[in-house]
Amino acid sequence: MTVTIYHNPRCSKSRETLALLHERGIEPVIVEYLRTPPSAAELKNILGMLGIGPRDLLRRKEAAEAGIEPENLSDDALIAAMAANPSAIERPIVVTGGKAALGRPPESVLKIL
């Protein structure tokens, strides 16, 4: 079973989540999403697995800095804006077996493993 983590090495929660996976003997595929952002289609798929809308995955401060105004955008437009400005995507996200979890707190990813 492949486990993927959308990771930002500068984020403490992301590092803690990665360490938690390693402690359990899991060597995930690491996607540094700031360098290799998910496409809008990938992001839409991830949101579906998380069972949340794009506004629930938005980092408000980073979105504001990028000029993203979620209240003025449709879901699809917001997803496109997040794909174009990956710093506005909440992190980390762990995906495996058609399920996804947000690592806030890091232990929350254990429910999908």
C-alpha atoms as a PDB file:
ATOM      1  CA  MET A   1       0.000   0.000   0.000  1.00  0.00           C
ATOM      2  CA  THR A   2       1.405   3.353  -1.053  1.00  0.00           C
ATOM      3  CA  VAL A   3       1.255   6.201   1.434  1.00  0.00           C
ATOM      4  CA  THR A   4       1.805   9.735   0.144  1.00  0.00           C
ATOM      5  CA  ILE A   5       2.418  12.820   2.257  1.00  0.00           C
ATOM      6  CA  TYR A   6       1.998  16.322   0.886  1.00  0.00           C
ATOM      7  CA  HIS A   7       4.800  17.811   2.930  1.00  0.00           C
ATOM      8  CA  ASN A   8       6.408  21.138   3.747  1.00  0.00           C
ATOM      9  CA  PRO A   9       9.756  20.508   5.472  1.00  0.00           C
ATOM     10  CA  ARG A  10       9.621  23.962   7.080  1.00  0.00           C
ATOM     11  CA  CYS A  11       6.342  23.160   8.892  1.00  0.00           C
ATOM     12  CA  SER A  12       6.598  21.561  12.346  1.00  0.00           C
ATOM     13  CA  LYS A  13       3.263  19.691  12.012  1.00  0.00           C
ATOM     14  CA  SER A  14       4.375  18.330   8.659  1.00  0.00           C
ATOM     15  CA  ARG A  15       7.708  17.158  10.107  1.00  0.00           C
ATOM     16  CA  GLU A  16       5.909  15.604  13.108  1.00  0.00           C
ATOM     17  CA  THR A  17       3.500  13.749  10.816  1.00  0.00           C
ATOM     18  CA  LEU A  18       6.370  12.437   8.685  1.00  0.00           C
ATOM     19  CA  ALA A  19       8.197  11.284  11.849  1.00  0.00           C
ATOM     20  CA  LEU A  20       5.008   9.537  13.033  1.00  0.00           C
ATOM     21  CA  LEU A  21       4.826   7.614   9.743  1.00  0.00           C
ATOM     22  CA  HIS A  22       8.513   6.650   9.997  1.00  0.00           C
ATOM     23  CA  GLU A  23       7.992   5.481  13.623  1.00  0.00           C
ATOM     24  CA  ARG A  24       5.363   3.074  12.298  1.00  0.00           C
ATOM     25  CA  GLY A  25       7.734   1.701   9.663  1.00  0.00           C
ATOM     26  CA  ILE A  26       6.011   3.540   6.817  1.00  0.00           C
ATOM     27  CA  GLU A  27       8.237   5.034   4.128  1.00  0.00           C
ATOM     28  CA  PRO A  28       5.845   7.399   2.364  1.00  0.00           C
ATOM     29  CA  VAL A  29       6.146   8.999  -1.036  1.00  0.00           C
ATOM     30  CA  ILE A  30       7.025  12.577  -0.098  1.00  0.00           C
ATOM     31  CA  VAL A  31       5.551  15.325  -2.256  1.00  0.00           C
ATOM     32  CA  GLU A  32       7.019  18.704  -1.398  1.00  0.00           C
ATOM     33  CA  TYR A  33       3.874  20.423  -2.580  1.00  0.00           C
ATOM     34  CA  LEU A  34       5.401  23.921  -2.631  1.00  0.00           C
ATOM     35  CA  ARG A  35       7.870  22.670  -5.271  1.00  0.00           C
ATOM     36  CA  THR A  36       5.485  20.252  -6.992  1.00  0.00           C
ATOM     37  CA  PRO A  37       1.961  21.550  -6.378  1.00  0.00           C
ATOM     38  CA  PRO A  38      -1.036  19.314  -6.969  1.00  0.00           C
ATOM     39  CA  SER A  39      -3.104  20.194 -10.018  1.00  0.00           C
ATOM     40  CA  ALA A  40      -6.629  21.501  -9.547  1.00  0.00           C
ATOM     41  CA  ALA A  41      -7.926  18.019 -10.466  1.00  0.00           C
ATOM     42  CA  GLU A  42      -5.639  16.343  -7.896  1.00  0.00           C
ATOM     43  CA  LEU A  43      -6.677  18.870  -5.265  1.00  0.00           C
ATOM     44  CA  LYS A  44     -10.356  18.251  -6.023  1.00  0.00           C
ATOM     45  CA  ASN A  45      -9.747  14.495  -5.644  1.00  0.00           C
ATOM     46  CA  ILE A  46      -7.933  15.039  -2.316  1.00  0.00           C
ATOM     47  CA  LEU A  47     -10.779  17.234  -1.054  1.00  0.00           C
ATOM     48  CA  GLY A  48     -13.216  14.457  -1.959  1.00  0.00           C
ATOM     49  CA  MET A  49     -11.177  11.921   0.019  1.00  0.00           C
ATOM     50  CA  LEU A  50     -10.977  14.334   2.972  1.00  0.00           C
ATOM     51  CA  GLY A  51     -14.722  14.949   2.745  1.00  0.00           C
ATOM     52  CA  ILE A  52     -14.309  18.723   3.074  1.00  0.00           C
ATOM     53  CA  GLY A  53     -14.705  21.783   0.882  1.00  0.00           C
ATOM     54  CA  PRO A  54     -11.846  23.935  -0.386  1.00  0.00           C
ATOM     55  CA  ARG A  55     -12.432  26.648   2.227  1.00  0.00           C
ATOM     56  CA  ASP A  56     -11.738  24.044   4.936  1.00  0.00           C
ATOM     57  CA  LEU A  57      -8.301  23.353   3.429  1.00  0.00           C
ATOM     58  CA  LEU A  58      -7.365  26.995   2.989  1.00  0.00           C
ATOM     59  CA  ARG A  59      -4.637  28.684   5.015  1.00  0.00           C
ATOM     60  CA  ARG A  60      -6.270  32.096   5.473  1.00  0.00           C
ATOM     61  CA  LYS A  61      -3.133  34.163   6.075  1.00  0.00           C
ATOM     62  CA  GLU A  62      -1.288  32.712   3.085  1.00  0.00           C
ATOM     63  CA  ALA A  63      -4.399  33.040   0.922  1.00  0.00           C
ATOM     64  CA  ALA A  64      -4.695  36.726   1.829  1.00  0.00           C
ATOM     65  CA  GLU A  65      -0.998  37.246   1.057  1.00  0.00           C
ATOM     66  CA  ALA A  66      -1.557  35.644  -2.359  1.00  0.00           C
ATOM     67  CA  GLY A  67      -4.569  37.888  -3.011  1.00  0.00           C
ATOM     68  CA  ILE A  68      -7.049  35.003  -2.838  1.00  0.00           C
ATOM     69  CA  GLU A  69     -10.481  36.174  -1.669  1.00  0.00           C
ATOM     70  CA  PRO A  70     -12.412  32.961  -0.953  1.00  0.00           C
ATOM     71  CA  GLU A  71     -15.701  34.763  -0.354  1.00  0.00           C
ATOM     72  CA  ASN A  72     -15.615  36.016  -3.961  1.00  0.00           C
ATOM     73  CA  LEU A  73     -14.769  32.674  -5.597  1.00  0.00           C
ATOM     74  CA  SER A  74     -16.699  29.561  -6.570  1.00  0.00           C
ATOM     75  CA  ASP A  75     -15.337  26.260  -5.249  1.00  0.00           C
ATOM     76  CA  ASP A  76     -13.718  25.467  -8.611  1.00  0.00           C
ATOM     77  CA  ALA A  77     -12.120  28.922  -8.829  1.00  0.00           C
ATOM     78  CA  LEU A  78     -10.846  28.602  -5.265  1.00  0.00           C
ATOM     79  CA  ILE A  79      -9.373  25.167  -6.000  1.00  0.00           C
ATOM     80  CA  ALA A  80      -7.636  26.604  -9.083  1.00  0.00           C
ATOM     81  CA  ALA A  81      -6.284  29.489  -6.985  1.00  0.00           C
ATOM     82  CA  MET A  82      -4.977  27.052  -4.366  1.00  0.00           C
ATOM     83  CA  ALA A  83      -3.278  24.932  -7.046  1.00  0.00           C
ATOM     84  CA  ALA A  84      -1.652  28.098  -8.422  1.00  0.00           C
ATOM     85  CA  ASN A  85      -0.652  29.264  -4.909  1.00  0.00           C
ATOM     86  CA  PRO A  86       0.188  26.061  -3.000  1.00  0.00           C
ATOM     87  CA  SER A  87       1.298  27.950   0.126  1.00  0.00           C
ATOM     88  CA  ALA A  88      -2.441  28.561   0.685  1.00  0.00           C
ATOM     89  CA  ILE A  89      -3.069  24.795   1.074  1.00  0.00           C
ATOM     90  CA  GLU A  90      -3.257  23.471   4.650  1.00  0.00           C
ATOM     91  CA  ARG A  91      -0.639  20.851   5.461  1.00  0.00           C
ATOM     92  CA  PRO A  92       0.317  18.104   5.800  1.00  0.00           C
ATOM     93  CA  ILE A  93      -2.041  15.822   3.923  1.00  0.00           C
ATOM     94  CA  VAL A  94      -1.556  12.051   3.963  1.00  0.00           C
ATOM     95  CA  VAL A  95      -3.209   9.941   1.261  1.00  0.00           C
ATOM     96  CA  THR A  96      -3.456   6.158   1.065  1.00  0.00           C
ATOM     97  CA  GLY A  97      -5.895   3.587  -0.269  1.00  0.00           C
ATOM     98  CA  GLY A  98      -8.403   6.135  -1.551  1.00  0.00           C
ATOM     99  CA  LYS A  99      -8.527   7.918   1.812  1.00  0.00           C
ATOM    100  CA  ALA A 100      -6.908  11.118   3.027  1.00  0.00           C
ATOM    101  CA  ALA A 101      -6.330  12.828   6.365  1.00  0.00           C
ATOM    102  CA  LEU A 102      -5.007  16.197   7.412  1.00  0.00           C
ATOM    103  CA  GLY A 103      -2.124  15.930   9.886  1.00  0.00           C
ATOM    104  CA  ARG A 104      -3.517  18.499  12.323  1.00  0.00           C
ATOM    105  CA  PRO A 105      -2.843  17.077  14.833  1.00  0.00           C
ATOM    106  CA  PRO A 106      -0.327  14.611  13.355  1.00  0.00           C
ATOM    107  CA  GLU A 107      -2.060  11.646  15.080  1.00  0.00           C
ATOM    108  CA  SER A 108      -5.195  12.219  13.006  1.00  0.00           C
ATOM    109  CA  VAL A 109      -3.526  10.493  10.042  1.00  0.00           C
ATOM    110  CA  LEU A 110      -3.426   7.197  11.964  1.00  0.00           C
ATOM    111  CA  LYS A 111      -7.137   6.630  11.304  1.00  0.00           C
ATOM    112  CA  ILE A 112      -6.503   6.016   7.579  1.00  0.00           C
ATOM    113  CA  LEU A 113      -3.445   3.746   7.961  1.00  0.00           C
END
